[in-house]
Amino acid sequence: MHRDSLVTPVRTAHAVRFSAGTAVPRTVAPAGACDCHVHVYDSRFPAAPQAKLLPPDASALDYAVLQQRIGTTRVVLVTPSTYGTDNRPMLEGLAALGAMGVQARGVAVIDGTESDGELLRLQAAGVRGVRLNLSLGVSGTADSLLPLARRIAPLGWHLQLLMAADVLVAQADVLHQLPVPVVFDHFGRIAPAQAGRHPAHALLLALLQGGQAWIKLSGGYIVSEQHSVEDPALDALAASYLRCAPHRVVWGSDWPHATASAGVQPLPDDARQVDRLADWARDTGDSATLQRVLADNPAALYGFAPTISSLP
């Protein structure tokens, strides 16, 4: 039986694999808080031939320990680029989390040739979306956008995208035509210096405001020129999304931070990531923003049980 995710858990300060620091966040996460971007890695499964990130093993059990520190109770596992279209590590992670009583959903990677039966099997396992990662060039191309969207539309899934700003602009017409919601992870891959200047940022805001898209405030340390979530330049970028469509924003830790394992940036402190989100939410001037981003919005996007604030 799932533990009651509408009860705020007791947080404990301790070291966690692949996360800097040991303290709990100063921010108390609301009941039903969800981390919407997590990967698991398992060397029992071969990496895709073109994989650029080959991090050490990081299990669902490891992540459950992080939950005890930061206060989330729900999680979304995303198949990482490392495995191409092999969703087995993610699916095993979902099963392991379920066995621990953790409410979890999955985002898979597919090539569109899967049978109806295979997609239904993914849905039964908890998958609610498909990711197309064009930043690392492991699987899929921009030409896959519309065919993938049409393939998953009957299931009510969303299409999660990661692509460079210039590629995003080039696909503007297609993005407006997609028959499914679109979720942009890692701040839409917009660098803070591009906010308000690059047409990709304006496109994202238009898609959010039009109800066609969602944005994940994940991987702030990836888009930051300082490679840190502490970068004050992230504040304006986060605010642009939160003020445009607070009901269309979710948050993710990006644990276990594969780019840190690859030496791109220092290992983030996930407690600080939660606190930085709270800073951005507070700056909107709306006391309900943090509740929406951490609990209400993920419940709506991933099909979790409604949180208390969203109950009629």
Protein backbone atom coordinates (compact mmCIF):
# COMPACT_ATOMS: atom_id res chain seq x y z
CA MET A 1 0.00 0.00 0.00
CA HIS A 2 1.24 3.50 -0.83
CA ARG A 3 2.17 5.64 2.11
CA ASP A 4 -0.05 8.69 2.49
CA SER A 5 1.62 11.24 0.24
CA LEU A 6 -0.70 13.99 1.50
CA VAL A 7 1.05 13.92 4.87
CA THR A 8 4.26 15.92 5.14
CA PRO A 9 7.03 13.48 6.12
CA VAL A 10 9.58 13.94 8.87
CA ARG A 11 12.84 15.13 7.30
CA THR A 12 16.23 13.93 8.48
CA ALA A 13 19.62 15.56 7.92
CA HIS A 14 22.10 13.09 6.49
CA ALA A 15 24.50 12.48 3.64
CA VAL A 16 22.94 11.16 0.42
CA ARG A 17 24.73 9.61 -2.53
CA PHE A 18 25.21 12.04 -5.41
CA SER A 19 24.01 15.06 -3.43
CA ALA A 20 26.24 17.62 -1.73
CA GLY A 21 25.57 18.76 1.83
CA THR A 22 23.74 17.01 4.65
CA ALA A 23 21.25 19.58 5.97
CA VAL A 24 17.52 19.56 5.32
CA PRO A 25 16.09 22.48 3.33
CA ARG A 26 14.99 25.50 5.34
CA THR A 27 11.82 25.21 3.25
CA VAL A 28 9.22 22.69 4.37
CA ALA A 29 7.80 21.07 1.26
CA PRO A 30 4.00 20.91 1.09
CA ALA A 31 2.20 17.59 1.48
CA GLY A 32 2.27 15.63 -1.76
CA ALA A 33 5.43 17.40 -2.98
CA CYS A 34 6.84 15.82 -6.13
CA ASP A 35 10.34 15.77 -7.61
CA CYS A 36 9.51 15.67 -11.32
CA HIS A 37 12.91 14.89 -12.84
CA VAL A 38 15.02 12.01 -11.54
CA HIS A 39 17.09 9.35 -13.31
CA VAL A 40 18.25 5.91 -12.19
CA TYR A 41 21.35 4.19 -13.54
CA ASP A 42 22.19 0.50 -13.48
CA SER A 43 25.31 -0.96 -15.10
CA ARG A 44 23.51 -4.27 -15.61
CA PHE A 45 21.93 -2.58 -18.62
CA PRO A 46 24.14 -1.60 -21.58
CA ALA A 47 24.53 2.02 -22.52
CA ALA A 48 23.43 3.13 -25.97
CA PRO A 49 26.32 3.17 -28.47
CA GLN A 50 26.20 6.99 -28.80
CA ALA A 51 25.79 7.68 -25.08
CA LYS A 52 27.83 10.64 -23.87
CA LEU A 53 27.02 10.40 -20.15
CA LEU A 54 28.02 7.20 -18.34
CA PRO A 55 27.43 7.89 -14.65
CA PRO A 56 27.86 5.38 -11.81
CA ASP A 57 24.96 3.27 -10.60
CA ALA A 58 22.25 5.26 -8.81
CA SER A 59 19.24 3.32 -7.59
CA ALA A 60 15.67 4.01 -6.59
CA LEU A 61 16.68 3.10 -3.04
CA ASP A 62 19.40 5.77 -3.15
CA TYR A 63 16.82 8.31 -4.24
CA ALA A 64 14.37 7.29 -1.51
CA VAL A 65 17.06 8.33 0.99
CA LEU A 66 17.17 11.76 -0.63
CA GLN A 67 13.39 12.04 -0.25
CA GLN A 68 13.82 11.60 3.50
CA ARG A 69 16.14 14.60 3.49
CA ILE A 70 14.32 17.06 1.23
CA GLY A 71 10.73 16.16 2.13
CA THR A 72 9.26 15.09 -1.21
CA THR A 73 6.93 12.08 -1.29
CA ARG A 74 6.28 11.67 -5.01
CA VAL A 75 8.74 11.31 -7.87
CA VAL A 76 8.93 11.09 -11.64
CA LEU A 77 11.62 8.84 -13.15
CA VAL A 78 12.83 9.79 -16.63
CA THR A 79 14.74 7.39 -18.89
CA PRO A 80 18.12 9.11 -19.38
CA SER A 81 19.98 9.51 -22.66
CA THR A 82 22.48 6.90 -21.47
CA TYR A 83 20.10 4.05 -22.34
CA GLY A 84 18.61 5.29 -25.59
CA THR A 85 15.18 3.65 -25.93
CA ASP A 86 15.88 0.99 -23.29
CA ASN A 87 13.40 1.81 -20.54
CA ARG A 88 14.18 -1.19 -18.33
CA PRO A 89 16.23 0.71 -15.71
CA MET A 90 13.45 3.29 -15.33
CA LEU A 91 10.75 0.61 -15.15
CA GLU A 92 12.68 -1.37 -12.53
CA GLY A 93 13.05 1.86 -10.59
CA LEU A 94 9.30 2.43 -10.68
CA ALA A 95 8.69 -1.09 -9.41
CA ALA A 96 11.25 -0.67 -6.61
CA LEU A 97 9.73 2.64 -5.51
CA GLY A 98 6.26 1.13 -5.57
CA ALA A 99 7.45 -1.71 -3.36
CA MET A 100 8.66 0.94 -0.89
CA GLY A 101 5.27 2.68 -0.93
CA VAL A 102 6.50 5.68 -2.90
CA GLN A 103 4.11 7.11 -5.48
CA ALA A 104 6.03 7.33 -8.74
CA ARG A 105 5.44 7.99 -12.43
CA GLY A 106 7.67 7.48 -15.44
CA VAL A 107 8.68 9.24 -18.63
CA ALA A 108 9.92 6.80 -21.26
CA VAL A 109 11.93 7.09 -24.47
CA ILE A 110 10.44 5.40 -27.55
CA ASP A 111 11.10 5.45 -31.28
CA GLY A 112 7.44 5.25 -32.30
CA THR A 113 7.50 1.72 -33.70
CA GLU A 114 6.32 0.15 -30.44
CA SER A 115 3.14 -1.91 -30.53
CA ASP A 116 -0.04 -0.80 -28.84
CA GLY A 117 0.50 -3.59 -26.35
CA GLU A 118 3.97 -2.32 -25.44
CA LEU A 119 2.69 1.21 -24.87
CA LEU A 120 -0.14 -0.10 -22.72
CA ARG A 121 2.41 -2.09 -20.72
CA LEU A 122 4.38 1.12 -20.12
CA GLN A 123 1.22 2.91 -19.06
CA ALA A 124 0.31 0.15 -16.60
CA ALA A 125 3.80 0.49 -15.10
CA GLY A 126 3.20 4.19 -14.45
CA VAL A 127 4.52 5.89 -17.61
CA ARG A 128 2.70 9.13 -18.44
CA GLY A 129 4.96 10.72 -21.04
CA VAL A 130 7.72 10.30 -23.61
CA ARG A 131 10.95 12.25 -23.74
CA LEU A 132 12.75 13.43 -26.85
CA ASN A 133 16.25 14.64 -25.99
CA LEU A 134 17.83 16.46 -28.92
CA SER A 135 20.66 17.95 -26.87
CA LEU A 136 22.76 14.79 -26.61
CA GLY A 137 21.91 13.19 -29.97
CA VAL A 138 21.40 9.64 -28.72
CA SER A 139 17.93 8.91 -30.09
CA GLY A 140 15.38 10.78 -32.15
CA THR A 141 15.47 13.89 -34.34
CA ALA A 142 13.36 17.00 -34.67
CA ASP A 143 11.44 15.18 -37.40
CA SER A 144 10.21 12.79 -34.69
CA LEU A 145 8.18 15.47 -32.90
CA LEU A 146 4.87 15.16 -34.70
CA PRO A 147 4.96 11.35 -35.29
CA LEU A 148 5.75 10.70 -31.61
CA ALA A 149 3.04 13.09 -30.47
CA ARG A 150 0.47 11.40 -32.68
CA ARG A 151 1.57 7.98 -31.45
CA ILE A 152 1.05 8.81 -27.78
CA ALA A 153 -1.99 11.09 -28.09
CA PRO A 154 -4.56 8.26 -27.65
CA LEU A 155 -2.97 7.43 -24.28
CA GLY A 156 -3.27 10.97 -22.93
CA TRP A 157 0.50 11.20 -22.47
CA HIS A 158 2.67 14.28 -22.84
CA LEU A 159 5.82 14.85 -24.88
CA GLN A 160 8.83 16.00 -22.86
CA LEU A 161 11.44 17.92 -24.84
CA LEU A 162 15.05 18.98 -24.36
CA MET A 163 16.60 20.94 -27.20
CA ALA A 164 18.83 23.92 -27.86
CA ALA A 165 17.20 27.32 -28.16
CA ASP A 166 17.86 27.65 -31.90
CA VAL A 167 16.37 24.21 -32.58
CA LEU A 168 13.36 25.14 -30.48
CA VAL A 169 12.69 28.24 -32.59
CA ALA A 170 13.07 26.25 -35.80
CA GLN A 171 10.30 23.91 -34.61
CA ALA A 172 7.87 26.67 -33.60
CA ASP A 173 5.22 25.81 -36.20
CA VAL A 174 5.29 22.12 -35.29
CA LEU A 175 5.12 22.83 -31.57
CA HIS A 176 1.93 24.82 -32.03
CA GLN A 177 0.37 21.88 -33.91
CA LEU A 178 1.18 19.03 -31.53
CA PRO A 179 -1.88 17.09 -30.34
CA VAL A 180 -0.43 16.51 -26.86
CA PRO A 181 0.83 18.73 -24.03
CA VAL A 182 4.54 19.54 -24.23
CA VAL A 183 6.81 19.60 -21.19
CA PHE A 184 10.11 21.47 -21.51
CA ASP A 185 12.69 20.36 -18.98
CA HIS A 186 15.76 22.18 -17.65
CA PHE A 187 14.28 25.70 -17.90
CA GLY A 188 13.57 25.07 -21.59
CA ARG A 189 17.35 24.94 -22.10
CA ILE A 190 17.31 28.74 -22.01
CA ALA A 191 20.42 30.33 -20.53
CA PRO A 192 19.73 33.19 -18.10
CA ALA A 193 21.41 35.63 -20.49
CA GLN A 194 18.92 34.62 -23.21
CA ALA A 195 15.86 35.50 -21.13
CA GLY A 196 13.93 38.26 -22.86
CA ARG A 197 16.42 38.30 -25.73
CA HIS A 198 16.25 34.97 -27.55
CA PRO A 199 13.07 34.22 -29.53
CA ALA A 200 13.02 30.75 -27.96
CA HIS A 201 12.21 32.32 -24.60
CA ALA A 202 9.30 34.27 -26.07
CA LEU A 203 8.08 31.08 -27.78
CA LEU A 204 8.12 29.16 -24.51
CA LEU A 205 6.19 31.90 -22.73
CA ALA A 206 3.58 31.94 -25.51
CA LEU A 207 3.17 28.15 -25.35
CA LEU A 208 2.83 28.31 -21.56
CA GLN A 209 0.32 31.13 -21.64
CA GLY A 210 -1.66 29.36 -24.35
CA GLY A 211 -1.99 26.22 -22.24
CA GLN A 212 -0.02 24.08 -24.69
CA ALA A 213 3.07 23.58 -22.56
CA TRP A 214 4.57 23.01 -19.13
CA ILE A 215 8.05 23.95 -17.90
CA LYS A 216 10.33 22.14 -15.45
CA LEU A 217 12.48 24.28 -13.20
CA SER A 218 15.10 21.55 -13.25
CA GLY A 219 18.79 21.62 -14.07
CA GLY A 220 19.29 25.25 -13.17
CA TYR A 221 22.96 24.47 -12.67
CA ILE A 222 23.06 23.15 -16.25
CA VAL A 223 21.80 26.33 -17.92
CA SER A 224 23.64 28.66 -15.52
CA GLU A 225 26.90 30.15 -16.76
CA GLN A 226 28.19 29.65 -13.21
CA HIS A 227 27.09 25.99 -13.30
CA SER A 228 25.33 26.57 -10.01
CA VAL A 229 21.74 26.83 -8.84
CA GLU A 230 22.96 29.67 -6.61
CA ASP A 231 23.52 31.82 -9.72
CA PRO A 232 21.43 34.99 -9.15
CA ALA A 233 20.96 35.24 -12.92
CA LEU A 234 18.54 32.31 -12.65
CA ASP A 235 16.12 34.44 -10.64
CA ALA A 236 14.76 36.45 -13.56
CA LEU A 237 14.47 33.37 -15.79
CA ALA A 238 12.53 31.44 -13.13
CA ALA A 239 10.33 34.47 -12.47
CA SER A 240 9.45 34.77 -16.14
CA TYR A 241 7.91 31.30 -16.11
CA LEU A 242 6.30 31.52 -12.69
CA ARG A 243 4.62 34.83 -13.43
CA CYS A 244 3.53 33.80 -16.91
CA ALA A 245 1.82 30.52 -15.98
CA PRO A 246 2.24 29.42 -12.34
CA HIS A 247 -0.22 26.58 -12.96
CA ARG A 248 2.08 25.18 -15.68
CA VAL A 249 5.37 24.98 -13.78
CA VAL A 250 6.85 21.93 -12.00
CA TRP A 251 10.20 21.32 -10.33
CA GLY A 252 12.84 18.59 -10.56
CA SER A 253 16.14 17.93 -8.83
CA ASP A 254 17.78 16.15 -11.79
CA TRP A 255 19.28 13.71 -9.26
CA PRO A 256 21.79 11.98 -9.50
CA HIS A 257 23.23 14.83 -11.54
CA ALA A 258 24.95 12.94 -14.35
CA THR A 259 26.64 16.08 -15.65
CA ALA A 260 28.36 16.47 -12.29
CA SER A 261 29.65 12.91 -12.55
CA ALA A 262 30.99 13.90 -15.98
CA GLY A 263 32.85 16.85 -14.45
CA VAL A 264 30.75 19.59 -16.05
CA GLN A 265 29.89 21.22 -12.72
CA PRO A 266 30.16 20.55 -8.97
CA LEU A 267 27.69 18.19 -7.36
CA PRO A 268 24.61 20.22 -6.37
CA ASP A 269 23.14 20.35 -2.88
CA ASP A 270 19.55 19.24 -3.40
CA ALA A 271 18.39 20.89 -0.18
CA ARG A 272 19.61 24.17 -1.60
CA GLN A 273 17.80 23.43 -4.85
CA VAL A 274 14.54 23.22 -2.90
CA ASP A 275 15.33 26.46 -1.11
CA ARG A 276 16.15 28.24 -4.36
CA LEU A 277 12.78 27.16 -5.75
CA ALA A 278 11.15 28.58 -2.63
CA ASP A 279 12.99 31.87 -3.22
CA TRP A 280 11.66 32.07 -6.77
CA ALA A 281 8.14 31.20 -5.65
CA ARG A 282 8.24 33.82 -2.91
CA ASP A 283 9.37 36.48 -5.37
CA THR A 284 6.09 36.10 -7.29
CA GLY A 285 4.26 37.59 -4.33
CA ASP A 286 1.73 34.75 -4.36
CA SER A 287 1.86 32.54 -1.27
CA ALA A 288 0.24 29.67 -3.20
CA THR A 289 2.99 29.41 -5.84
CA LEU A 290 5.19 26.90 -4.03
CA GLN A 291 2.20 24.67 -3.30
CA ARG A 292 1.23 24.75 -6.96
CA VAL A 293 4.71 23.98 -8.30
CA LEU A 294 5.61 21.20 -5.88
CA ALA A 295 2.23 19.53 -5.37
CA ASP A 296 -0.83 20.69 -7.31
CA ASN A 297 0.75 20.97 -10.76
CA PRO A 298 2.53 17.58 -10.68
CA ALA A 299 -0.70 15.95 -9.52
CA ALA A 300 -2.47 17.36 -12.57
CA LEU A 301 0.31 16.62 -15.06
CA TYR A 302 1.20 13.09 -13.95
CA GLY A 303 -2.14 11.88 -12.68
CA PHE A 304 -1.38 11.63 -8.98
CA ALA A 305 -4.22 11.90 -6.47
CA PRO A 306 -5.21 15.56 -5.98
CA THR A 307 -3.41 17.41 -3.22
CA ILE A 308 -5.35 19.09 -0.44
CA SER A 309 -5.26 22.56 -1.97
CA SER A 310 -6.66 21.27 -5.28
CA LEU A 311 -9.55 19.36 -3.76
CA PRO A 312 -13.00 20.94 -4.39
